[in-house]
Amino acid sequence: MDSSQPASLQDAPDVLVVPTLEDVPRDADGAPVLEGSIEVMLLPMEAESGGTTLVALAFSTVAALVDAMGEEQSWVAIPSDKLEGALEGSGARAVLLDPRPPEGA
């Protein structure tokens, strides 16, 4: 997986916020209850070599996720050094850090 496009995960904060496809159950303290697997959001993007590749989205803060995707977007926090392992088998070939929606979206 290429974690250097467009920003390197090496420069990422210790914990990343990753959008999920469904709400993640949480305990009374708000911590996610992680039983089984969580489906994270992957987007097809044009690859430099042509065709498309699947990209995982990750944000440096909850505020950045809300700015890009809205308050209703479900999410989970993942230590940045565990993200690539967590995405193993998902089909993601890169991580897009702090993406911004296109103008007018």
PDB file of N, CA and C in Angstrom:
ATOM      1  N   MET A   1       0.839  -1.171   0.000  1.00  0.00           N
ATOM      2  CA  MET A   1       0.000   0.000   0.000  1.00  0.00           C
ATOM      3  C   MET A   1       0.883   1.232   0.000  1.00  0.00           C
ATOM      4  N   ASP A   2       0.483   2.207  -0.774  1.00  0.00           N
ATOM      5  CA  ASP A   2       1.240   3.448  -0.858  1.00  0.00           C
ATOM      6  C   ASP A   2       0.625   4.466   0.083  1.00  0.00           C
ATOM      7  N   SER A   3       1.331   4.793   1.140  1.00  0.00           N
ATOM      8  CA  SER A   3       0.815   5.756   2.107  1.00  0.00           C
ATOM      9  C   SER A   3       1.406   7.139   1.897  1.00  0.00           C
ATOM     10  N   SER A   4       2.037   7.360   0.774  1.00  0.00           N
ATOM     11  CA  SER A   4       2.688   8.646   0.562  1.00  0.00           C
ATOM     12  C   SER A   4       1.903   9.554  -0.374  1.00  0.00           C
ATOM     13  N   GLN A   5       0.704   9.196  -0.777  1.00  0.00           N
ATOM     14  CA  GLN A   5      -0.063  10.038  -1.680  1.00  0.00           C
ATOM     15  C   GLN A   5      -1.316  10.531  -1.001  1.00  0.00           C
ATOM     16  N   PRO A   6      -1.639  11.786  -0.987  1.00  0.00           N
ATOM     17  CA  PRO A   6      -0.770  12.890  -1.332  1.00  0.00           C
ATOM     18  C   PRO A   6       0.053  13.367  -0.142  1.00  0.00           C
ATOM     19  N   ALA A   7      -0.230  12.881   1.049  1.00  0.00           N
ATOM     20  CA  ALA A   7       0.551  13.255   2.235  1.00  0.00           C
ATOM     21  C   ALA A   7       1.030  11.979   2.897  1.00  0.00           C
ATOM     22  N   SER A   8       2.202  12.035   3.467  1.00  0.00           N
ATOM     23  CA  SER A   8       2.793  10.847   4.063  1.00  0.00           C
ATOM     24  C   SER A   8       2.195  10.553   5.429  1.00  0.00           C
ATOM     25  N   LEU A   9       1.925   9.270   5.688  1.00  0.00           N
ATOM     26  CA  LEU A   9       1.447   8.882   7.012  1.00  0.00           C
ATOM     27  C   LEU A   9       2.550   9.039   8.049  1.00  0.00           C
ATOM     28  N   GLN A  10       3.791   9.132   7.609  1.00  0.00           N
ATOM     29  CA  GLN A  10       4.889   9.349   8.548  1.00  0.00           C
ATOM     30  C   GLN A  10       4.750  10.712   9.223  1.00  0.00           C
ATOM     31  N   ASP A  11       4.099  11.659   8.549  1.00  0.00           N
ATOM     32  CA  ASP A  11       3.895  12.997   9.091  1.00  0.00           C
ATOM     33  C   ASP A  11       2.535  13.131   9.775  1.00  0.00           C
ATOM     34  N   ALA A  12       1.764  12.055   9.816  1.00  0.00           N
ATOM     35  CA  ALA A  12       0.408  12.075  10.372  1.00  0.00           C
ATOM     36  C   ALA A  12       0.461  12.106  11.899  1.00  0.00           C
ATOM     37  N   PRO A  13      -0.624  12.555  12.502  1.00  0.00           N
ATOM     38  CA  PRO A  13      -0.692  12.493  13.974  1.00  0.00           C
ATOM     39  C   PRO A  13      -0.719  11.041  14.436  1.00  0.00           C
ATOM     40  N   ASP A  14      -0.583  10.832  15.741  1.00  0.00           N
ATOM     41  CA  ASP A  14      -0.539   9.476  16.292  1.00  0.00           C
ATOM     42  C   ASP A  14      -1.821   8.691  16.056  1.00  0.00           C
ATOM     43  N   VAL A  15      -2.957   9.382  15.979  1.00  0.00           N
ATOM     44  CA  VAL A  15      -4.248   8.733  15.779  1.00  0.00           C
ATOM     45  C   VAL A  15      -4.935   9.387  14.594  1.00  0.00           C
ATOM     46  N   LEU A  16      -5.495   8.559  13.711  1.00  0.00           N
ATOM     47  CA  LEU A  16      -6.229   9.050  12.552  1.00  0.00           C
ATOM     48  C   LEU A  16      -7.705   8.716  12.686  1.00  0.00           C
ATOM     49  N   VAL A  17      -8.544   9.542  12.102  1.00  0.00           N
ATOM     50  CA  VAL A  17      -9.983   9.355  12.097  1.00  0.00           C
ATOM     51  C   VAL A  17     -10.365   8.840  10.711  1.00  0.00           C
ATOM     52  N   VAL A  18     -10.997   7.668  10.674  1.00  0.00           N
ATOM     53  CA  VAL A  18     -11.288   6.992   9.412  1.00  0.00           C
ATOM     54  C   VAL A  18     -12.808   6.851   9.271  1.00  0.00           C
ATOM     55  N   PRO A  19     -13.375   7.342   8.146  1.00  0.00           N
ATOM     56  CA  PRO A  19     -14.816   7.207   7.959  1.00  0.00           C
ATOM     57  C   PRO A  19     -15.206   5.744   7.753  1.00  0.00           C
ATOM     58  N   THR A  20     -16.344   5.371   8.325  1.00  0.00           N
ATOM     59  CA  THR A  20     -16.848   4.004   8.194  1.00  0.00           C
ATOM     60  C   THR A  20     -18.170   4.014   7.433  1.00  0.00           C
ATOM     61  N   LEU A  21     -18.564   2.845   6.955  1.00  0.00           N
ATOM     62  CA  LEU A  21     -19.799   2.734   6.191  1.00  0.00           C
ATOM     63  C   LEU A  21     -21.032   2.649   7.080  1.00  0.00           C
ATOM     64  N   GLU A  22     -20.845   2.315   8.332  1.00  0.00           N
ATOM     65  CA  GLU A  22     -21.971   2.229   9.263  1.00  0.00           C
ATOM     66  C   GLU A  22     -21.508   2.672  10.639  1.00  0.00           C
ATOM     67  N   ASP A  23     -22.484   3.003  11.487  1.00  0.00           N
ATOM     68  CA  ASP A  23     -22.140   3.414  12.844  1.00  0.00           C
ATOM     69  C   ASP A  23     -21.413   2.294  13.575  1.00  0.00           C
ATOM     70  N   VAL A  24     -20.428   2.671  14.361  1.00  0.00           N
ATOM     71  CA  VAL A  24     -19.658   1.730  15.160  1.00  0.00           C
ATOM     72  C   VAL A  24     -20.244   1.744  16.565  1.00  0.00           C
ATOM     73  N   PRO A  25     -20.620   0.571  17.105  1.00  0.00           N
ATOM     74  CA  PRO A  25     -21.152   0.559  18.476  1.00  0.00           C
ATOM     75  C   PRO A  25     -20.117   1.103  19.458  1.00  0.00           C
ATOM     76  N   ARG A  26     -20.595   1.863  20.453  1.00  0.00           N
ATOM     77  CA  ARG A  26     -19.698   2.473  21.435  1.00  0.00           C
ATOM     78  C   ARG A  26     -20.172   2.133  22.838  1.00  0.00           C
ATOM     79  N   ASP A  27     -19.214   2.078  23.781  1.00  0.00           N
ATOM     80  CA  ASP A  27     -19.567   1.805  25.177  1.00  0.00           C
ATOM     81  C   ASP A  27     -20.015   3.097  25.855  1.00  0.00           C
ATOM     82  N   ALA A  28     -20.289   3.036  27.153  1.00  0.00           N
ATOM     83  CA  ALA A  28     -20.808   4.187  27.893  1.00  0.00           C
ATOM     84  C   ALA A  28     -19.847   5.378  27.889  1.00  0.00           C
ATOM     85  N   ASP A  29     -18.545   5.122  27.735  1.00  0.00           N
ATOM     86  CA  ASP A  29     -17.552   6.195  27.693  1.00  0.00           C
ATOM     87  C   ASP A  29     -17.347   6.747  26.294  1.00  0.00           C
ATOM     88  N   GLY A  30     -18.008   6.158  25.287  1.00  0.00           N
ATOM     89  CA  GLY A  30     -17.865   6.617  23.911  1.00  0.00           C
ATOM     90  C   GLY A  30     -16.795   5.891  23.123  1.00  0.00           C
ATOM     91  N   ALA A  31     -16.080   4.971  23.759  1.00  0.00           N
ATOM     92  CA  ALA A  31     -15.047   4.212  23.055  1.00  0.00           C
ATOM     93  C   ALA A  31     -15.701   3.164  22.161  1.00  0.00           C
ATOM     94  N   PRO A  32     -15.177   2.972  20.940  1.00  0.00           N
ATOM     95  CA  PRO A  32     -15.780   1.975  20.059  1.00  0.00           C
ATOM     96  C   PRO A  32     -15.634   0.563  20.613  1.00  0.00           C
ATOM     97  N   VAL A  33     -16.688  -0.221  20.451  1.00  0.00           N
ATOM     98  CA  VAL A  33     -16.670  -1.633  20.813  1.00  0.00           C
ATOM     99  C   VAL A  33     -16.324  -2.384  19.534  1.00  0.00           C
ATOM    100  N   LEU A  34     -15.127  -2.906  19.475  1.00  0.00           N
ATOM    101  CA  LEU A  34     -14.627  -3.483  18.234  1.00  0.00           C
ATOM    102  C   LEU A  34     -14.750  -4.996  18.239  1.00  0.00           C
ATOM    103  N   GLU A  35     -15.917  -5.470  17.906  1.00  0.00           N
ATOM    104  CA  GLU A  35     -16.133  -6.899  17.756  1.00  0.00           C
ATOM    105  C   GLU A  35     -16.252  -7.180  16.266  1.00  0.00           C
ATOM    106  N   GLY A  36     -15.463  -8.102  15.760  1.00  0.00           N
ATOM    107  CA  GLY A  36     -15.510  -8.408  14.333  1.00  0.00           C
ATOM    108  C   GLY A  36     -14.773  -7.364  13.523  1.00  0.00           C
ATOM    109  N   SER A  37     -15.297  -7.053  12.354  1.00  0.00           N
ATOM    110  CA  SER A  37     -14.622  -6.103  11.480  1.00  0.00           C
ATOM    111  C   SER A  37     -15.477  -4.866  11.274  1.00  0.00           C
ATOM    112  N   ILE A  38     -14.829  -3.810  10.839  1.00  0.00           N
ATOM    113  CA  ILE A  38     -15.493  -2.544  10.551  1.00  0.00           C
ATOM    114  C   ILE A  38     -15.237  -2.240   9.083  1.00  0.00           C
ATOM    115  N   GLU A  39     -16.292  -1.867   8.372  1.00  0.00           N
ATOM    116  CA  GLU A  39     -16.148  -1.522   6.964  1.00  0.00           C
ATOM    117  C   GLU A  39     -15.826  -0.048   6.837  1.00  0.00           C
ATOM    118  N   VAL A  40     -14.613   0.239   6.358  1.00  0.00           N
ATOM    119  CA  VAL A  40     -14.203   1.621   6.161  1.00  0.00           C
ATOM    120  C   VAL A  40     -14.518   2.038   4.735  1.00  0.00           C
ATOM    121  N   MET A  41     -14.582   3.335   4.530  1.00  0.00           N
ATOM    122  CA  MET A  41     -14.922   3.875   3.227  1.00  0.00           C
ATOM    123  C   MET A  41     -13.706   3.852   2.310  1.00  0.00           C
ATOM    124  N   LEU A  42     -13.865   3.232   1.145  1.00  0.00           N
ATOM    125  CA  LEU A  42     -12.841   3.237   0.107  1.00  0.00           C
ATOM    126  C   LEU A  42     -13.418   3.917  -1.123  1.00  0.00           C
ATOM    127  N   LEU A  43     -12.607   4.710  -1.796  1.00  0.00           N
ATOM    128  CA  LEU A  43     -13.054   5.397  -2.996  1.00  0.00           C
ATOM    129  C   LEU A  43     -12.197   5.002  -4.185  1.00  0.00           C
ATOM    130  N   PRO A  44     -12.817   4.789  -5.342  1.00  0.00           N
ATOM    131  CA  PRO A  44     -12.014   4.560  -6.546  1.00  0.00           C
ATOM    132  C   PRO A  44     -11.483   5.901  -7.050  1.00  0.00           C
ATOM    133  N   MET A  45     -10.197   5.932  -7.371  1.00  0.00           N
ATOM    134  CA  MET A  45      -9.576   7.136  -7.908  1.00  0.00           C
ATOM    135  C   MET A  45      -8.764   6.754  -9.136  1.00  0.00           C
ATOM    136  N   GLU A  46      -8.592   7.709 -10.018  1.00  0.00           N
ATOM    137  CA  GLU A  46      -7.780   7.469 -11.198  1.00  0.00           C
ATOM    138  C   GLU A  46      -6.333   7.241 -10.778  1.00  0.00           C
ATOM    139  N   ALA A  47      -5.747   6.188 -11.311  1.00  0.00           N
ATOM    140  CA  ALA A  47      -4.338   5.887 -11.034  1.00  0.00           C
ATOM    141  C   ALA A  47      -3.467   6.621 -12.048  1.00  0.00           C
ATOM    142  N   GLU A  48      -2.261   6.965 -11.643  1.00  0.00           N
ATOM    143  CA  GLU A  48      -1.337   7.650 -12.547  1.00  0.00           C
ATOM    144  C   GLU A  48      -1.051   6.812 -13.786  1.00  0.00           C
ATOM    145  N   SER A  49      -1.061   5.496 -13.617  1.00  0.00           N
ATOM    146  CA  SER A  49      -0.760   4.595 -14.733  1.00  0.00           C
ATOM    147  C   SER A  49      -1.991   4.292 -15.580  1.00  0.00           C
ATOM    148  N   GLY A  50      -3.125   4.923 -15.271  1.00  0.00           N
ATOM    149  CA  GLY A  50      -4.378   4.660 -15.965  1.00  0.00           C
ATOM    150  C   GLY A  50      -5.220   3.707 -15.141  1.00  0.00           C
ATOM    151  N   GLY A  51      -6.488   3.626 -15.445  1.00  0.00           N
ATOM    152  CA  GLY A  51      -7.379   2.779 -14.673  1.00  0.00           C
ATOM    153  C   GLY A  51      -7.708   3.418 -13.338  1.00  0.00           C
ATOM    154  N   THR A  52      -8.217   2.609 -12.427  1.00  0.00           N
ATOM    155  CA  THR A  52      -8.568   3.119 -11.113  1.00  0.00           C
ATOM    156  C   THR A  52      -7.917   2.278 -10.018  1.00  0.00           C
ATOM    157  N   THR A  53      -7.812   2.873  -8.854  1.00  0.00           N
ATOM    158  CA  THR A  53      -7.285   2.190  -7.687  1.00  0.00           C
ATOM    159  C   THR A  53      -8.152   2.579  -6.490  1.00  0.00           C
ATOM    160  N   LEU A  54      -8.278   1.689  -5.519  1.00  0.00           N
ATOM    161  CA  LEU A  54      -9.049   1.989  -4.320  1.00  0.00           C
ATOM    162  C   LEU A  54      -8.173   2.720  -3.310  1.00  0.00           C
ATOM    163  N   VAL A  55      -8.735   3.769  -2.725  1.00  0.00           N
ATOM    164  CA  VAL A  55      -8.019   4.613  -1.778  1.00  0.00           C
ATOM    165  C   VAL A  55      -8.845   4.714  -0.494  1.00  0.00           C
ATOM    166  N   ALA A  56      -8.184   4.555   0.642  1.00  0.00           N
ATOM    167  CA  ALA A  56      -8.827   4.752   1.943  1.00  0.00           C
ATOM    168  C   ALA A  56      -8.702   6.217   2.332  1.00  0.00           C
ATOM    169  N   LEU A  57      -9.726   6.727   2.986  1.00  0.00           N
ATOM    170  CA  LEU A  57      -9.693   8.098   3.481  1.00  0.00           C
ATOM    171  C   LEU A  57      -9.307   8.093   4.954  1.00  0.00           C
ATOM    172  N   ALA A  58      -8.535   9.082   5.369  1.00  0.00           N
ATOM    173  CA  ALA A  58      -8.164   9.241   6.776  1.00  0.00           C
ATOM    174  C   ALA A  58      -8.035  10.735   7.056  1.00  0.00           C
ATOM    175  N   PHE A  59      -8.390  11.111   8.281  1.00  0.00           N
ATOM    176  CA  PHE A  59      -8.346  12.517   8.663  1.00  0.00           C
ATOM    177  C   PHE A  59      -7.523  12.671   9.934  1.00  0.00           C
ATOM    178  N   SER A  60      -6.858  13.824  10.053  1.00  0.00           N
ATOM    179  CA  SER A  60      -6.000  14.064  11.212  1.00  0.00           C
ATOM    180  C   SER A  60      -6.807  14.439  12.453  1.00  0.00           C
ATOM    181  N   THR A  61      -8.040  14.907  12.274  1.00  0.00           N
ATOM    182  CA  THR A  61      -8.902  15.270  13.401  1.00  0.00           C
ATOM    183  C   THR A  61     -10.361  14.966  13.062  1.00  0.00           C
ATOM    184  N   VAL A  62     -11.186  14.868  14.089  1.00  0.00           N
ATOM    185  CA  VAL A  62     -12.622  14.697  13.876  1.00  0.00           C
ATOM    186  C   VAL A  62     -13.168  15.933  13.173  1.00  0.00           C
ATOM    187  N   ALA A  63     -12.689  17.117  13.537  1.00  0.00           N
ATOM    188  CA  ALA A  63     -13.151  18.354  12.902  1.00  0.00           C
ATOM    189  C   ALA A  63     -12.878  18.338  11.397  1.00  0.00           C
ATOM    190  N   ALA A  64     -11.727  17.825  10.983  1.00  0.00           N
ATOM    191  CA  ALA A  64     -11.406  17.742   9.555  1.00  0.00           C
ATOM    192  C   ALA A  64     -12.354  16.785   8.839  1.00  0.00           C
ATOM    193  N   LEU A  65     -12.680  15.667   9.481  1.00  0.00           N
ATOM    194  CA  LEU A  65     -13.643  14.731   8.899  1.00  0.00           C
ATOM    195  C   LEU A  65     -15.008  15.392   8.762  1.00  0.00           C
ATOM    196  N   VAL A  66     -15.468  16.082   9.809  1.00  0.00           N
ATOM    197  CA  VAL A  66     -16.776  16.742   9.776  1.00  0.00           C
ATOM    198  C   VAL A  66     -16.799  17.826   8.696  1.00  0.00           C
ATOM    199  N   ASP A  67     -15.723  18.603   8.565  1.00  0.00           N
ATOM    200  CA  ASP A  67     -15.661  19.633   7.524  1.00  0.00           C
ATOM    201  C   ASP A  67     -15.785  19.024   6.133  1.00  0.00           C
ATOM    202  N   ALA A  68     -15.168  17.884   5.922  1.00  0.00           N
ATOM    203  CA  ALA A  68     -15.155  17.256   4.597  1.00  0.00           C
ATOM    204  C   ALA A  68     -16.401  16.420   4.324  1.00  0.00           C
ATOM    205  N   MET A  69     -16.940  15.761   5.372  1.00  0.00           N
ATOM    206  CA  MET A  69     -17.969  14.760   5.128  1.00  0.00           C
ATOM    207  C   MET A  69     -19.280  14.989   5.876  1.00  0.00           C
ATOM    208  N   GLY A  70     -19.314  15.959   6.771  1.00  0.00           N
ATOM    209  CA  GLY A  70     -20.540  16.270   7.491  1.00  0.00           C
ATOM    210  C   GLY A  70     -20.608  15.606   8.856  1.00  0.00           C
ATOM    211  N   GLU A  71     -21.481  16.138   9.694  1.00  0.00           N
ATOM    212  CA  GLU A  71     -21.610  15.678  11.076  1.00  0.00           C
ATOM    213  C   GLU A  71     -22.178  14.274  11.199  1.00  0.00           C
ATOM    214  N   GLU A  72     -22.926  13.824  10.224  1.00  0.00           N
ATOM    215  CA  GLU A  72     -23.573  12.515  10.299  1.00  0.00           C
ATOM    216  C   GLU A  72     -22.650  11.361   9.894  1.00  0.00           C
ATOM    217  N   GLN A  73     -21.468  11.672   9.383  1.00  0.00           N
ATOM    218  CA  GLN A  73     -20.559  10.616   8.942  1.00  0.00           C
ATOM    219  C   GLN A  73     -20.048   9.823  10.140  1.00  0.00           C
ATOM    220  N   SER A  74     -20.226   8.514  10.104  1.00  0.00           N
ATOM    221  CA  SER A  74     -19.697   7.667  11.170  1.00  0.00           C
ATOM    222  C   SER A  74     -18.185   7.499  10.967  1.00  0.00           C
ATOM    223  N   TRP A  75     -17.477   7.226  12.068  1.00  0.00           N
ATOM    224  CA  TRP A  75     -16.021   7.142  11.996  1.00  0.00           C
ATOM    225  C   TRP A  75     -15.488   6.293  13.141  1.00  0.00           C
ATOM    226  N   VAL A  76     -14.216   5.947  13.006  1.00  0.00           N
ATOM    227  CA  VAL A  76     -13.488   5.255  14.065  1.00  0.00           C
ATOM    228  C   VAL A  76     -12.073   5.834  14.097  1.00  0.00           C
ATOM    229  N   ALA A  77     -11.496   5.903  15.278  1.00  0.00           N
ATOM    230  CA  ALA A  77     -10.116   6.374  15.433  1.00  0.00           C
ATOM    231  C   ALA A  77      -9.182   5.170  15.419  1.00  0.00           C
ATOM    232  N   ILE A  78      -8.106   5.280  14.659  1.00  0.00           N
ATOM    233  CA  ILE A  78      -7.130   4.193  14.522  1.00  0.00           C
ATOM    234  C   ILE A  78      -5.734   4.779  14.702  1.00  0.00           C
ATOM    235  N   PRO A  79      -4.878   4.158  15.528  1.00  0.00           N
ATOM    236  CA  PRO A  79      -3.490   4.629  15.611  1.00  0.00           C
ATOM    237  C   PRO A  79      -2.867   4.617  14.218  1.00  0.00           C
ATOM    238  N   SER A  80      -2.188   5.698  13.860  1.00  0.00           N
ATOM    239  CA  SER A  80      -1.653   5.806  12.498  1.00  0.00           C
ATOM    240  C   SER A  80      -0.675   4.684  12.169  1.00  0.00           C
ATOM    241  N   ASP A  81       0.057   4.177  13.163  1.00  0.00           N
ATOM    242  CA  ASP A  81       0.992   3.089  12.878  1.00  0.00           C
ATOM    243  C   ASP A  81       0.287   1.741  12.693  1.00  0.00           C
ATOM    244  N   LYS A  82      -1.017   1.688  12.953  1.00  0.00           N
ATOM    245  CA  LYS A  82      -1.794   0.454  12.778  1.00  0.00           C
ATOM    246  C   LYS A  82      -2.697   0.501  11.542  1.00  0.00           C
ATOM    247  N   LEU A  83      -2.771   1.658  10.886  1.00  0.00           N
ATOM    248  CA  LEU A  83      -3.723   1.830   9.787  1.00  0.00           C
ATOM    249  C   LEU A  83      -3.462   0.878   8.626  1.00  0.00           C
ATOM    250  N   GLU A  84      -2.233   0.785   8.172  1.00  0.00           N
ATOM    251  CA  GLU A  84      -1.955  -0.100   7.037  1.00  0.00           C
ATOM    252  C   GLU A  84      -2.315  -1.544   7.357  1.00  0.00           C
ATOM    253  N   GLY A  85      -2.015  -2.012   8.565  1.00  0.00           N
ATOM    254  CA  GLY A  85      -2.391  -3.365   8.968  1.00  0.00           C
ATOM    255  C   GLY A  85      -3.900  -3.535   9.027  1.00  0.00           C
ATOM    256  N   ALA A  86      -4.601  -2.497   9.510  1.00  0.00           N
ATOM    257  CA  ALA A  86      -6.060  -2.557   9.596  1.00  0.00           C
ATOM    258  C   ALA A  86      -6.701  -2.612   8.214  1.00  0.00           C
ATOM    259  N   LEU A  87      -6.052  -2.021   7.225  1.00  0.00           N
ATOM    260  CA  LEU A  87      -6.597  -2.002   5.868  1.00  0.00           C
ATOM    261  C   LEU A  87      -6.188  -3.216   5.043  1.00  0.00           C
ATOM    262  N   GLU A  88      -5.322  -4.047   5.606  1.00  0.00           N
ATOM    263  CA  GLU A  88      -4.862  -5.234   4.878  1.00  0.00           C
ATOM    264  C   GLU A  88      -6.053  -6.085   4.446  1.00  0.00           C
ATOM    265  N   GLY A  89      -6.070  -6.457   3.189  1.00  0.00           N
ATOM    266  CA  GLY A  89      -7.151  -7.271   2.650  1.00  0.00           C
ATOM    267  C   GLY A  89      -8.355  -6.470   2.196  1.00  0.00           C
ATOM    268  N   SER A  90      -8.354  -5.157   2.403  1.00  0.00           N
ATOM    269  CA  SER A  90      -9.496  -4.318   2.025  1.00  0.00           C
ATOM    270  C   SER A  90      -9.509  -3.974   0.546  1.00  0.00           C
ATOM    271  N   GLY A  91      -8.360  -4.070  -0.095  1.00  0.00           N
ATOM    272  CA  GLY A  91      -8.244  -3.655  -1.487  1.00  0.00           C
ATOM    273  C   GLY A  91      -7.673  -2.259  -1.635  1.00  0.00           C
ATOM    274  N   ALA A  92      -7.522  -1.520  -0.518  1.00  0.00           N
ATOM    275  CA  ALA A  92      -6.962  -0.169  -0.580  1.00  0.00           C
ATOM    276  C   ALA A  92      -5.501  -0.233  -0.985  1.00  0.00           C
ATOM    277  N   ARG A  93      -5.126   0.600  -1.909  1.00  0.00           N
ATOM    278  CA  ARG A  93      -3.746   0.657  -2.387  1.00  0.00           C
ATOM    279  C   ARG A  93      -3.028   1.920  -1.938  1.00  0.00           C
ATOM    280  N   ALA A  94      -3.785   2.857  -1.346  1.00  0.00           N
ATOM    281  CA  ALA A  94      -3.206   4.119  -0.867  1.00  0.00           C
ATOM    282  C   ALA A  94      -4.124   4.690   0.200  1.00  0.00           C
ATOM    283  N   VAL A  95      -3.596   5.651   0.948  1.00  0.00           N
ATOM    284  CA  VAL A  95      -4.366   6.367   1.956  1.00  0.00           C
ATOM    285  C   VAL A  95      -4.337   7.838   1.592  1.00  0.00           C
ATOM    286  N   LEU A  96      -5.515   8.432   1.498  1.00  0.00           N
ATOM    287  CA  LEU A  96      -5.634   9.852   1.206  1.00  0.00           C
ATOM    288  C   LEU A  96      -5.872  10.571   2.527  1.00  0.00           C
ATOM    289  N   LEU A  97      -4.894  11.358   2.954  1.00  0.00           N
ATOM    290  CA  LEU A  97      -4.937  12.023   4.256  1.00  0.00           C
ATOM    291  C   LEU A  97      -5.517  13.418   4.123  1.00  0.00           C
ATOM    292  N   ASP A  98      -6.538  13.710   4.936  1.00  0.00           N
ATOM    293  CA  ASP A  98      -7.205  15.003   4.981  1.00  0.00           C
ATOM    294  C   ASP A  98      -7.687  15.491   3.606  1.00  0.00           C
ATOM    295  N   PRO A  99      -8.459  14.662   2.891  1.00  0.00           N
ATOM    296  CA  PRO A  99      -8.987  15.124   1.598  1.00  0.00           C
ATOM    297  C   PRO A  99     -10.017  16.226   1.802  1.00  0.00           C
ATOM    298  N   ARG A 100     -10.111  17.094   0.846  1.00  0.00           N
ATOM    299  CA  ARG A 100     -11.091  18.178   0.887  1.00  0.00           C
ATOM    300  C   ARG A 100     -12.112  17.932  -0.226  1.00  0.00           C
ATOM    301  N   PRO A 101     -13.382  18.255   0.034  1.00  0.00           N
ATOM    302  CA  PRO A 101     -14.375  18.083  -1.021  1.00  0.00           C
ATOM    303  C   PRO A 101     -14.123  19.097  -2.147  1.00  0.00           C
ATOM    304  N   PRO A 102     -14.503  18.749  -3.360  1.00  0.00           N
ATOM    305  CA  PRO A 102     -14.327  19.684  -4.461  1.00  0.00           C
ATOM    306  C   PRO A 102     -15.176  20.956  -4.237  1.00  0.00           C
ATOM    307  N   GLU A 103     -14.749  22.057  -4.801  1.00  0.00           N
ATOM    308  CA  GLU A 103     -15.513  23.303  -4.693  1.00  0.00           C
ATOM    309  C   GLU A 103     -16.937  23.079  -5.155  1.00  0.00           C
ATOM    310  N   GLY A 104     -17.884  23.605  -4.391  1.00  0.00           N
ATOM    311  CA  GLY A 104     -19.289  23.497  -4.752  1.00  0.00           C
ATOM    312  C   GLY A 104     -19.953  22.191  -4.358  1.00  0.00           C
ATOM    313  N   ALA A 105     -19.198  21.278  -3.749  1.00  0.00           N
ATOM    314  CA  ALA A 105     -19.782  19.990  -3.358  1.00  0.00           C
ATOM    315  C   ALA A 105     -20.460  20.094  -2.020  1.00  0.00           C
TER     316      ALA A 105
END
